[in-house]
């Protein structure tokens, strides 16, 4: 059976890419300690936000189009987040998700958007990620089965009005 998508794998991959190819980093506008990288894997938009200490990624949040790309006529972004093990339990995941949402909120008027949704699908067994999603996205998740793995999960959903 397939596993749920694990943003920690993306973090490790981006860290390796960063060390080898040194991709162009764009400092964010609202939070100057946050960096941004935009790409289109498989033709789908993805925005990656991260914090650095030297050349080490210390937290990462990835936003892509959700499985249901629009709710109430507004874009819905699926978010995944990860923190390397040595930097966990310091509030970094919560901070980067909050900061990335503020960056998206700041950028949306340029795209003539007045609101957007953020969705996190978290495994029923991933207590640490549930805590982050509960604090930043919603304290009222809905139970579901993950569309990739079929495993029990919680869906956290929040509308961001600009």
Foldseek 3Di string as FASTA:
>chain_A
DDDDDACVVVLVVVLVCCVPPVDDWAQFDPDRQKIWDWDQVVNWTKIKIFGDDPSHTAKIKMWTFDPPQDDPRAGEIEIDMDGPPVNPPPCRRLVRVQVVVVRCVVCVVVVVDFKYKYKYKAAPPPVVVVVSLCVRFHVDWDWDADPPPRHITTMGMHMGGD
